Amino acid sequence: MIKWFRVSFGVKTTQLKAYLNIYPQQNDEKIKKFWSDLTGIPLKNFGKSFIKPLSKNFKKNNLYYGTIKIRMSRGTDSMHRVFGWIKIFLEKLKINIDNVETKWNKLRTEYKR
């Protein structure tokens, strides 16, 4: 996904901020290093991690490296562009669906005769 943002929007990894969701028994710094190596986002761009509080229902099969949420600074323009692409795609898809539906309706009426 990060590569797609780099290619499509020219986003640099320094423009990205990352936030982790982890469990108390996990090492925050090691997990940040893992995600930094994987994504290319500098460690200084990592915000405070959310550490899920302990509960009675202890989750045994937790994700070893937690989960990551990535935000892009000044990403509103990119968000609107992506929504525009989705809208165009859905409009084209609807045209194709309408064409197929029309063909099926013609076949259905011909078959009933």
Foldseek 3Di string as FASTA:
>chain_A
DLVCCCVVPVADLQQKAKEFEEEPVADPVVLLVVVCVVNVRDSVRYDYYHYDDDDPPDDDPADRSGDMDMDGVVCPVVVVVVVVVVVVVVVVVVVVVVVVVVVVVVVVVVVVD
